[in-house]
Amino acid sequence: MSQQRIAQAMERIERALGRIETQAALARHSGTGQDSDDSNLAARHEALRTSVEASLAELDGLIERLEQ
């Protein structure tokens, strides 16, 4: 995979994570009165964030090995 394609993939992942964070923030501040749903959404968001961070770390490792 070329450096440009890797960079583009990373940018897409980062933009997607940004959109997820925005939606989670909007849901937290929507004031719907559904605390349990908000808690569930926050937990799911955190799980997704952890998963994405692990994937990004794995990608970083793969990229680093390719560059050597």
PDB file of N, CA and C in Angstrom:
ATOM      1  N   MET A   1       0.857  -1.167   0.000  1.00  0.00           N
ATOM      2  CA  MET A   1       0.000   0.000   0.000  1.00  0.00           C
ATOM      3  C   MET A   1       0.904   1.231   0.000  1.00  0.00           C
ATOM      4  N   SER A   2       0.612   2.167  -0.880  1.00  0.00           N
ATOM      5  CA  SER A   2       1.458   3.354  -0.972  1.00  0.00           C
ATOM      6  C   SER A   2       1.248   4.282   0.215  1.00  0.00           C
ATOM      7  N   GLN A   3       2.238   5.113   0.446  1.00  0.00           N
ATOM      8  CA  GLN A   3       2.161   6.070   1.563  1.00  0.00           C
ATOM      9  C   GLN A   3       0.933   6.960   1.404  1.00  0.00           C
ATOM     10  N   GLN A   4       0.643   7.375   0.178  1.00  0.00           N
ATOM     11  CA  GLN A   4      -0.499   8.254  -0.052  1.00  0.00           C
ATOM     12  C   GLN A   4      -1.809   7.548   0.309  1.00  0.00           C
ATOM     13  N   ARG A   5      -1.953   6.303  -0.075  1.00  0.00           N
ATOM     14  CA  ARG A   5      -3.171   5.554   0.244  1.00  0.00           C
ATOM     15  C   ARG A   5      -3.300   5.343   1.751  1.00  0.00           C
ATOM     16  N   ILE A   6      -2.185   5.094   2.404  1.00  0.00           N
ATOM     17  CA  ILE A   6      -2.203   4.922   3.858  1.00  0.00           C
ATOM     18  C   ILE A   6      -2.630   6.222   4.525  1.00  0.00           C
ATOM     19  N   ALA A   7      -2.064   7.328   4.083  1.00  0.00           N
ATOM     20  CA  ALA A   7      -2.419   8.631   4.653  1.00  0.00           C
ATOM     21  C   ALA A   7      -3.889   8.937   4.425  1.00  0.00           C
ATOM     22  N   GLN A   8      -4.399   8.622   3.239  1.00  0.00           N
ATOM     23  CA  GLN A   8      -5.811   8.868   2.946  1.00  0.00           C
ATOM     24  C   GLN A   8      -6.703   8.008   3.835  1.00  0.00           C
ATOM     25  N   ALA A   9      -6.316   6.763   4.033  1.00  0.00           N
ATOM     26  CA  ALA A   9      -7.102   5.882   4.905  1.00  0.00           C
ATOM     27  C   ALA A   9      -7.123   6.409   6.329  1.00  0.00           C
ATOM     28  N   MET A  10      -5.977   6.860   6.809  1.00  0.00           N
ATOM     29  CA  MET A  10      -5.910   7.409   8.165  1.00  0.00           C
ATOM     30  C   MET A  10      -6.781   8.654   8.289  1.00  0.00           C
ATOM     31  N   GLU A  11      -6.762   9.503   7.281  1.00  0.00           N
ATOM     32  CA  GLU A  11      -7.591  10.709   7.301  1.00  0.00           C
ATOM     33  C   GLU A  11      -9.072  10.352   7.337  1.00  0.00           C
ATOM     34  N   ARG A  12      -9.480   9.344   6.555  1.00  0.00           N
ATOM     35  CA  ARG A  12     -10.887   8.919   6.563  1.00  0.00           C
ATOM     36  C   ARG A  12     -11.285   8.385   7.932  1.00  0.00           C
ATOM     37  N   ILE A  13     -10.420   7.614   8.549  1.00  0.00           N
ATOM     38  CA  ILE A  13     -10.693   7.072   9.880  1.00  0.00           C
ATOM     39  C   ILE A  13     -10.829   8.205  10.890  1.00  0.00           C
ATOM     40  N   GLU A  14      -9.927   9.166  10.829  1.00  0.00           N
ATOM     41  CA  GLU A  14      -9.975  10.291  11.765  1.00  0.00           C
ATOM     42  C   GLU A  14     -11.229  11.133  11.561  1.00  0.00           C
ATOM     43  N   ARG A  15     -11.631  11.353  10.307  1.00  0.00           N
ATOM     44  CA  ARG A  15     -12.866  12.109  10.054  1.00  0.00           C
ATOM     45  C   ARG A  15     -14.082  11.352  10.572  1.00  0.00           C
ATOM     46  N   ALA A  16     -14.094  10.027  10.377  1.00  0.00           N
ATOM     47  CA  ALA A  16     -15.207   9.218  10.875  1.00  0.00           C
ATOM     48  C   ALA A  16     -15.293   9.279  12.392  1.00  0.00           C
ATOM     49  N   LEU A  17     -14.146   9.186  13.052  1.00  0.00           N
ATOM     50  CA  LEU A  17     -14.131   9.282  14.508  1.00  0.00           C
ATOM     51  C   LEU A  17     -14.633  10.650  14.961  1.00  0.00           C
ATOM     52  N   GLY A  18     -14.257  11.694  14.244  1.00  0.00           N
ATOM     53  CA  GLY A  18     -14.746  13.037  14.560  1.00  0.00           C
ATOM     54  C   GLY A  18     -16.258  13.129  14.445  1.00  0.00           C
ATOM     55  N   ARG A  19     -16.806  12.522  13.391  1.00  0.00           N
ATOM     56  CA  ARG A  19     -18.270  12.534  13.226  1.00  0.00           C
ATOM     57  C   ARG A  19     -18.950  11.768  14.358  1.00  0.00           C
ATOM     58  N   ILE A  20     -18.363  10.650  14.744  1.00  0.00           N
ATOM     59  CA  ILE A  20     -18.924   9.866  15.854  1.00  0.00           C
ATOM     60  C   ILE A  20     -18.905  10.677  17.140  1.00  0.00           C
ATOM     61  N   GLU A  21     -17.788  11.338  17.401  1.00  0.00           N
ATOM     62  CA  GLU A  21     -17.677  12.153  18.612  1.00  0.00           C
ATOM     63  C   GLU A  21     -18.695  13.293  18.591  1.00  0.00           C
ATOM     64  N   THR A  22     -18.885  13.909  17.439  1.00  0.00           N
ATOM     65  CA  THR A  22     -19.861  14.994  17.323  1.00  0.00           C
ATOM     66  C   THR A  22     -21.263  14.493  17.629  1.00  0.00           C
ATOM     67  N   GLN A  23     -21.632  13.361  17.052  1.00  0.00           N
ATOM     68  CA  GLN A  23     -22.959  12.817  17.288  1.00  0.00           C
ATOM     69  C   GLN A  23     -23.156  12.415  18.749  1.00  0.00           C
ATOM     70  N   ALA A  24     -22.109  11.872  19.359  1.00  0.00           N
ATOM     71  CA  ALA A  24     -22.203  11.503  20.780  1.00  0.00           C
ATOM     72  C   ALA A  24     -22.392  12.746  21.638  1.00  0.00           C
ATOM     73  N   ALA A  25     -21.658  13.811  21.311  1.00  0.00           N
ATOM     74  CA  ALA A  25     -21.794  15.054  22.066  1.00  0.00           C
ATOM     75  C   ALA A  25     -23.185  15.637  21.888  1.00  0.00           C
ATOM     76  N   LEU A  26     -23.702  15.618  20.673  1.00  0.00           N
ATOM     77  CA  LEU A  26     -25.053  16.114  20.422  1.00  0.00           C
ATOM     78  C   LEU A  26     -26.084  15.303  21.194  1.00  0.00           C
ATOM     79  N   ALA A  27     -25.903  13.998  21.231  1.00  0.00           N
ATOM     80  CA  ALA A  27     -26.843  13.143  21.953  1.00  0.00           C
ATOM     81  C   ALA A  27     -26.796  13.428  23.454  1.00  0.00           C
ATOM     82  N   ARG A  28     -25.583  13.684  23.982  1.00  0.00           N
ATOM     83  CA  ARG A  28     -25.465  13.980  25.412  1.00  0.00           C
ATOM     84  C   ARG A  28     -26.157  15.288  25.768  1.00  0.00           C
ATOM     85  N   HIS A  29     -26.138  16.240  24.858  1.00  0.00           N
ATOM     86  CA  HIS A  29     -26.685  17.562  25.143  1.00  0.00           C
ATOM     87  C   HIS A  29     -28.080  17.782  24.579  1.00  0.00           C
ATOM     88  N   SER A  30     -28.698  16.728  24.086  1.00  0.00           N
ATOM     89  CA  SER A  30     -30.009  16.889  23.468  1.00  0.00           C
ATOM     90  C   SER A  30     -31.107  17.126  24.500  1.00  0.00           C
ATOM     91  N   GLY A  31     -30.874  16.709  25.747  1.00  0.00           N
ATOM     92  CA  GLY A  31     -31.858  16.955  26.795  1.00  0.00           C
ATOM     93  C   GLY A  31     -33.125  16.149  26.614  1.00  0.00           C
ATOM     94  N   THR A  32     -33.007  14.946  26.093  1.00  0.00           N
ATOM     95  CA  THR A  32     -34.197  14.137  25.852  1.00  0.00           C
ATOM     96  C   THR A  32     -34.763  13.536  27.126  1.00  0.00           C
ATOM     97  N   GLY A  33     -33.984  13.570  28.202  1.00  0.00           N
ATOM     98  CA  GLY A  33     -34.466  13.007  29.459  1.00  0.00           C
ATOM     99  C   GLY A  33     -34.320  11.504  29.524  1.00  0.00           C
ATOM    100  N   GLN A  34     -33.604  10.935  28.609  1.00  0.00           N
ATOM    101  CA  GLN A  34     -33.420   9.491  28.584  1.00  0.00           C
ATOM    102  C   GLN A  34     -32.020   9.170  29.082  1.00  0.00           C
ATOM    103  N   ASP A  35     -31.842   9.288  30.386  1.00  0.00           N
ATOM    104  CA  ASP A  35     -30.522   9.104  30.987  1.00  0.00           C
ATOM    105  C   ASP A  35     -29.933   7.725  30.702  1.00  0.00           C
ATOM    106  N   SER A  36     -30.768   6.690  30.777  1.00  0.00           N
ATOM    107  CA  SER A  36     -30.230   5.344  30.549  1.00  0.00           C
ATOM    108  C   SER A  36     -29.781   5.189  29.102  1.00  0.00           C
ATOM    109  N   ASP A  37     -30.535   5.775  28.165  1.00  0.00           N
ATOM    110  CA  ASP A  37     -30.122   5.726  26.760  1.00  0.00           C
ATOM    111  C   ASP A  37     -28.837   6.502  26.551  1.00  0.00           C
ATOM    112  N   ASP A  38     -28.720   7.642  27.223  1.00  0.00           N
ATOM    113  CA  ASP A  38     -27.501   8.439  27.116  1.00  0.00           C
ATOM    114  C   ASP A  38     -26.307   7.693  27.701  1.00  0.00           C
ATOM    115  N   SER A  39     -26.524   7.019  28.816  1.00  0.00           N
ATOM    116  CA  SER A  39     -25.449   6.245  29.425  1.00  0.00           C
ATOM    117  C   SER A  39     -25.027   5.109  28.509  1.00  0.00           C
ATOM    118  N   ASN A  40     -26.015   4.462  27.912  1.00  0.00           N
ATOM    119  CA  ASN A  40     -25.738   3.373  26.976  1.00  0.00           C
ATOM    120  C   ASN A  40     -24.968   3.898  25.772  1.00  0.00           C
ATOM    121  N   LEU A  41     -25.384   5.034  25.245  1.00  0.00           N
ATOM    122  CA  LEU A  41     -24.707   5.625  24.100  1.00  0.00           C
ATOM    123  C   LEU A  41     -23.276   6.010  24.457  1.00  0.00           C
ATOM    124  N   ALA A  42     -23.090   6.582  25.626  1.00  0.00           N
ATOM    125  CA  ALA A  42     -21.749   6.966  26.065  1.00  0.00           C
ATOM    126  C   ALA A  42     -20.857   5.737  26.208  1.00  0.00           C
ATOM    127  N   ALA A  43     -21.388   4.656  26.743  1.00  0.00           N
ATOM    128  CA  ALA A  43     -20.616   3.421  26.898  1.00  0.00           C
ATOM    129  C   ALA A  43     -20.262   2.837  25.537  1.00  0.00           C
ATOM    130  N   ARG A  44     -21.217   2.845  24.620  1.00  0.00           N
ATOM    131  CA  ARG A  44     -20.952   2.341  23.271  1.00  0.00           C
ATOM    132  C   ARG A  44     -19.919   3.208  22.563  1.00  0.00           C
ATOM    133  N   HIS A  45     -20.024   4.516  22.758  1.00  0.00           N
ATOM    134  CA  HIS A  45     -19.060   5.434  22.155  1.00  0.00           C
ATOM    135  C   HIS A  45     -17.662   5.162  22.683  1.00  0.00           C
ATOM    136  N   GLU A  46     -17.546   4.973  23.980  1.00  0.00           N
ATOM    137  CA  GLU A  46     -16.237   4.708  24.575  1.00  0.00           C
ATOM    138  C   GLU A  46     -15.672   3.388  24.072  1.00  0.00           C
ATOM    139  N   ALA A  47     -16.518   2.375  23.942  1.00  0.00           N
ATOM    140  CA  ALA A  47     -16.065   1.089  23.419  1.00  0.00           C
ATOM    141  C   ALA A  47     -15.587   1.236  21.977  1.00  0.00           C
ATOM    142  N   LEU A  48     -16.326   2.001  21.189  1.00  0.00           N
ATOM    143  CA  LEU A  48     -15.934   2.234  19.801  1.00  0.00           C
ATOM    144  C   LEU A  48     -14.634   3.011  19.731  1.00  0.00           C
ATOM    145  N   ARG A  49     -14.498   4.021  20.573  1.00  0.00           N
ATOM    146  CA  ARG A  49     -13.269   4.821  20.614  1.00  0.00           C
ATOM    147  C   ARG A  49     -12.070   3.920  20.947  1.00  0.00           C
ATOM    148  N   THR A  50     -12.225   3.059  21.923  1.00  0.00           N
ATOM    149  CA  THR A  50     -11.150   2.150  22.315  1.00  0.00           C
ATOM    150  C   THR A  50     -10.782   1.230  21.161  1.00  0.00           C
ATOM    151  N   SER A  51     -11.791   0.720  20.482  1.00  0.00           N
ATOM    152  CA  SER A  51     -11.564  -0.168  19.343  1.00  0.00           C
ATOM    153  C   SER A  51     -10.831   0.562  18.214  1.00  0.00           C
ATOM    154  N   VAL A  52     -11.257   1.788  17.919  1.00  0.00           N
ATOM    155  CA  VAL A  52     -10.625   2.566  16.851  1.00  0.00           C
ATOM    156  C   VAL A  52      -9.187   2.903  17.234  1.00  0.00           C
ATOM    157  N   GLU A  53      -8.956   3.278  18.473  1.00  0.00           N
ATOM    158  CA  GLU A  53      -7.594   3.584  18.918  1.00  0.00           C
ATOM    159  C   GLU A  53      -6.688   2.359  18.776  1.00  0.00           C
ATOM    160  N   ALA A  54      -7.208   1.186  19.115  1.00  0.00           N
ATOM    161  CA  ALA A  54      -6.417  -0.040  18.970  1.00  0.00           C
ATOM    162  C   ALA A  54      -6.129  -0.315  17.496  1.00  0.00           C
ATOM    163  N   SER A  55      -7.118  -0.097  16.649  1.00  0.00           N
ATOM    164  CA  SER A  55      -6.920  -0.293  15.210  1.00  0.00           C
ATOM    165  C   SER A  55      -5.898   0.680  14.654  1.00  0.00           C
ATOM    166  N   LEU A  56      -5.975   1.926  15.095  1.00  0.00           N
ATOM    167  CA  LEU A  56      -5.002   2.920  14.636  1.00  0.00           C
ATOM    168  C   LEU A  56      -3.589   2.569  15.102  1.00  0.00           C
ATOM    169  N   ALA A  57      -3.467   2.081  16.313  1.00  0.00           N
ATOM    170  CA  ALA A  57      -2.155   1.675  16.819  1.00  0.00           C
ATOM    171  C   ALA A  57      -1.612   0.513  15.996  1.00  0.00           C
ATOM    172  N   GLU A  58      -2.498  -0.419  15.652  1.00  0.00           N
ATOM    173  CA  GLU A  58      -2.076  -1.549  14.821  1.00  0.00           C
ATOM    174  C   GLU A  58      -1.642  -1.063  13.438  1.00  0.00           C
ATOM    175  N   LEU A  59      -2.414  -0.150  12.848  1.00  0.00           N
ATOM    176  CA  LEU A  59      -2.042   0.421  11.553  1.00  0.00           C
ATOM    177  C   LEU A  59      -0.704   1.146  11.634  1.00  0.00           C
ATOM    178  N   ASP A  60      -0.499   1.901  12.694  1.00  0.00           N
ATOM    179  CA  ASP A  60       0.778   2.591  12.880  1.00  0.00           C
ATOM    180  C   ASP A  60       1.942   1.599  12.902  1.00  0.00           C
ATOM    181  N   GLY A  61       1.748   0.499  13.600  1.00  0.00           N
ATOM    182  CA  GLY A  61       2.787  -0.532  13.670  1.00  0.00           C
ATOM    183  C   GLY A  61       3.059  -1.143  12.303  1.00  0.00           C
ATOM    184  N   LEU A  62       1.993  -1.411  11.558  1.00  0.00           N
ATOM    185  CA  LEU A  62       2.159  -1.983  10.224  1.00  0.00           C
ATOM    186  C   LEU A  62       2.871  -1.002   9.300  1.00  0.00           C
ATOM    187  N   ILE A  63       2.489   0.250   9.368  1.00  0.00           N
ATOM    188  CA  ILE A  63       3.121   1.282   8.536  1.00  0.00           C
ATOM    189  C   ILE A  63       4.593   1.406   8.886  1.00  0.00           C
ATOM    190  N   GLU A  64       4.877   1.381  10.176  1.00  0.00           N
ATOM    191  CA  GLU A  64       6.263   1.512  10.624  1.00  0.00           C
ATOM    192  C   GLU A  64       7.097   0.339  10.084  1.00  0.00           C
ATOM    193  N   ARG A  65       6.544  -0.872  10.111  1.00  0.00           N
ATOM    194  CA  ARG A  65       7.270  -2.036   9.605  1.00  0.00           C
ATOM    195  C   ARG A  65       7.464  -1.941   8.093  1.00  0.00           C
ATOM    196  N   LEU A  66       6.479  -1.406   7.372  1.00  0.00           N
ATOM    197  CA  LEU A  66       6.601  -1.238   5.927  1.00  0.00           C
ATOM    198  C   LEU A  66       7.698  -0.246   5.552  1.00  0.00           C
ATOM    199  N   GLU A  67       7.873   0.757   6.391  1.00  0.00           N
ATOM    200  CA  GLU A  67       8.859   1.802   6.113  1.00  0.00           C
ATOM    201  C   GLU A  67      10.287   1.334   6.361  1.00  0.00           C
ATOM    202  N   GLN A  68      10.471   0.241   7.070  1.00  0.00           N
ATOM    203  CA  GLN A  68      11.816  -0.226   7.383  1.00  0.00           C
ATOM    204  C   GLN A  68      12.416  -1.027   6.267  1.00  0.00           C
TER     205      GLN A  68
END
